[in-house]
Structures are given as structure tokens and as C-alpha cells.
Amino acid sequence: MLRPPLVCAGWKANLLALLVTIPLALIVLATRSDVAAARWVALASVLCAVPWIMAAFTAVAVVSALLYMALHRFGAPPDLAAWLAGDILVAAVIGCHINTALLIAAALHARHRPRADGLGEFLRRSRGGNGASSA
């Protein structure tokens, strides 16, 4: 029986993932003043969000572009490179949240699922004992 993909992790996994995501966001914010520490934290957060970083960055960049354009009307907007770097860090935190929620959901789902027969069991059953002849 095929099981549905764990795209929607569920509310329990999302709440537990916040225990990882909120401290990560606070660490990203706390290391803004130290350039070397900020680079290492940014690298670690982007690597933890690898499969989801581009989708999250696209969503964050589209939403934040409206705010960036509105800032042009009210005065001097921040530098574009710094703005996009902030977008990447926000996307990295979102990607880490998605990865953590999926990992927790898979762990919770594995506890409640009966163990499926593996390839070895399939080969043992198909080799003998059922009266079928093999060529």
C-alpha cells in the first residue's frame, strides 16, 4: 500500500519544528554585528535548508519586493545587496523549518506504521515454497 507523501507535516511536527526554527532565527539576528560569525551562521542555515531554499527564496523575494518598492516612496531604501541577503537568510530559516517539520513528521509516522517487508523477504518468498516453477 502506498502512503501519501509527507508534504503537509501536520500541526504537531510544525510546532516541534518551531523549537529549532526560532532559536536559529534568533542566532541569525544575534550574529549580525560579527561578520565572521554571521558568515558561518548563514552558511549553516543555508546548508540546512538545501532542498527548499530556492522555493522559499522565491516566495520571500516576491513578497518583500513590494515592501522594497514602497520604501523608495518614503525615502532612501536600503542597499539592494543587503536586502537580498536578508531575503536569503529568511528563506534559509523557512527552509530549515520545512526540513525539520518533515523530519519530525517522518519520525512520528514511522512509529505508528507497521514494518514493511523488504527486498530480502520478497526474494525469499518468490524463490521457493509456493509451487511456482522458475525457468
Protein backbone atom coordinates (compact mmCIF):
# COMPACT_ATOMS: atom_id res chain seq x y z
CA MET A 1 0.00 0.00 0.00
CA LEU A 2 1.34 3.38 -0.98
CA ARG A 3 1.44 6.01 1.69
CA PRO A 4 0.86 9.68 0.96
CA PRO A 5 3.91 11.92 0.84
CA LEU A 6 4.73 13.93 3.94
CA VAL A 7 4.27 17.29 2.25
CA CYS A 8 1.92 18.57 4.90
CA ALA A 9 3.72 17.59 8.06
CA GLY A 10 0.87 18.21 10.48
CA TRP A 11 0.46 20.59 13.37
CA LYS A 12 2.45 18.51 15.88
CA ALA A 13 5.52 18.37 13.66
CA ASN A 14 5.25 22.07 12.82
CA LEU A 15 5.04 23.05 16.48
CA LEU A 16 8.01 20.86 17.33
CA ALA A 17 9.94 22.29 14.38
CA LEU A 18 9.48 25.76 15.87
CA LEU A 19 11.72 24.62 18.72
CA VAL A 20 14.54 24.50 16.16
CA THR A 21 13.50 27.35 13.89
CA ILE A 22 13.02 30.08 16.49
CA PRO A 23 16.49 29.64 18.07
CA LEU A 24 18.02 29.54 14.56
CA ALA A 25 16.31 32.83 13.67
CA LEU A 26 17.50 34.36 16.94
CA ILE A 27 21.07 33.21 16.27
CA VAL A 28 20.92 34.72 12.77
CA LEU A 29 19.75 38.01 14.26
CA ALA A 30 22.28 37.93 17.10
CA THR A 31 25.30 37.45 14.84
CA ARG A 32 24.61 40.44 12.58
CA SER A 33 27.33 42.57 14.16
CA ASP A 34 30.13 39.98 13.93
CA VAL A 35 30.94 39.43 10.25
CA ALA A 36 32.81 36.13 10.64
CA ALA A 37 30.17 34.57 12.87
CA ALA A 38 27.40 35.86 10.60
CA ARG A 39 29.01 34.17 7.60
CA TRP A 40 29.26 30.82 9.38
CA VAL A 41 25.71 31.01 10.69
CA ALA A 42 24.42 31.99 7.24
CA LEU A 43 26.33 29.10 5.64
CA ALA A 44 24.99 26.60 8.17
CA SER A 45 21.42 27.81 7.83
CA VAL A 46 21.53 27.74 4.03
CA LEU A 47 23.01 24.22 4.04
CA CYS A 48 20.30 23.02 6.43
CA ALA A 49 17.64 24.37 4.05
CA VAL A 50 19.16 22.99 0.84
CA PRO A 51 16.19 21.39 -0.91
CA TRP A 52 13.78 24.19 -0.04
CA ILE A 53 15.99 27.27 -0.22
CA MET A 54 15.12 28.28 -3.79
CA ALA A 55 11.36 27.91 -3.39
CA ALA A 56 11.43 29.76 -0.08
CA PHE A 57 13.68 32.48 -1.50
CA THR A 58 11.36 32.99 -4.47
CA ALA A 59 8.35 33.39 -2.19
CA VAL A 60 10.17 35.71 0.23
CA ALA A 61 11.66 37.81 -2.60
CA VAL A 62 8.28 38.27 -4.30
CA VAL A 63 6.62 39.35 -1.07
CA SER A 64 9.49 41.59 0.03
CA ALA A 65 9.78 43.27 -3.38
CA LEU A 66 6.55 45.10 -2.67
CA LEU A 67 7.95 46.42 0.59
CA TYR A 68 11.26 47.36 -1.06
CA MET A 69 9.44 49.33 -3.76
CA ALA A 70 7.31 51.06 -1.13
CA LEU A 71 10.47 52.13 0.69
CA HIS A 72 11.52 54.03 -2.44
CA ARG A 73 8.49 56.26 -1.99
CA PHE A 74 9.17 57.10 1.62
CA GLY A 75 12.87 57.84 1.39
CA ALA A 76 16.15 56.18 0.67
CA PRO A 77 15.71 52.39 0.56
CA PRO A 78 18.43 50.09 1.90
CA ASP A 79 21.12 48.72 -0.37
CA LEU A 80 19.76 46.04 -2.70
CA ALA A 81 22.53 43.54 -1.92
CA ALA A 82 21.87 43.79 1.81
CA TRP A 83 18.12 43.48 1.19
CA LEU A 84 18.56 40.31 -0.90
CA ALA A 85 20.98 38.86 1.66
CA GLY A 86 18.27 39.33 4.27
CA ASP A 87 15.80 37.63 1.94
CA ILE A 88 18.14 34.66 1.60
CA LEU A 89 18.52 34.38 5.38
CA VAL A 90 14.76 34.50 5.91
CA ALA A 91 14.34 31.85 3.21
CA ALA A 92 17.02 29.73 4.88
CA VAL A 93 15.18 29.84 8.19
CA ILE A 94 11.92 28.91 6.41
CA GLY A 95 13.68 26.04 4.60
CA CYS A 96 15.15 24.79 7.87
CA HIS A 97 11.67 24.85 9.37
CA ILE A 98 10.27 22.79 6.48
CA ASN A 99 13.11 20.25 6.70
CA THR A 100 12.75 19.93 10.46
CA ALA A 101 8.97 19.55 10.27
CA LEU A 102 9.28 16.85 7.60
CA LEU A 103 11.93 15.02 9.61
CA ILE A 104 9.81 15.08 12.75
CA ALA A 105 6.70 14.03 10.80
CA ALA A 106 8.61 11.11 9.28
CA ALA A 107 9.84 10.06 12.73
CA LEU A 108 6.33 10.28 14.19
CA HIS A 109 4.87 8.43 11.20
CA ALA A 110 7.48 5.66 11.38
CA ARG A 111 6.50 4.89 14.97
CA HIS A 112 2.88 4.23 14.05
CA ARG A 113 3.47 2.30 10.83
CA PRO A 114 3.97 -1.47 10.72
CA ARG A 115 7.29 -2.57 9.31
CA ALA A 116 7.01 -3.46 5.63
CA ASP A 117 8.67 -6.48 4.13
CA GLY A 118 11.94 -5.64 2.49
CA LEU A 119 13.53 -6.82 -0.72
CA GLY A 120 15.13 -9.82 1.00
CA GLU A 121 11.76 -11.11 2.20
CA PHE A 122 10.31 -10.68 -1.28
CA LEU A 123 13.16 -12.66 -2.84
CA ARG A 124 12.84 -15.46 -0.26
CA ARG A 125 9.11 -15.78 -0.92
CA SER A 126 9.47 -15.74 -4.69
CA ARG A 127 12.26 -18.37 -4.72
CA GLY A 128 10.63 -21.30 -3.15
CA GLY A 129 7.78 -22.97 -1.39
CA ASN A 130 4.86 -21.63 -3.36
CA GLY A 131 4.78 -24.29 -6.10
CA ALA A 132 5.68 -21.97 -8.96
CA SER A 133 8.40 -23.18 -11.24
CA SER A 134 11.07 -20.80 -12.39
CA ALA A 135 12.90 -21.11 -15.69
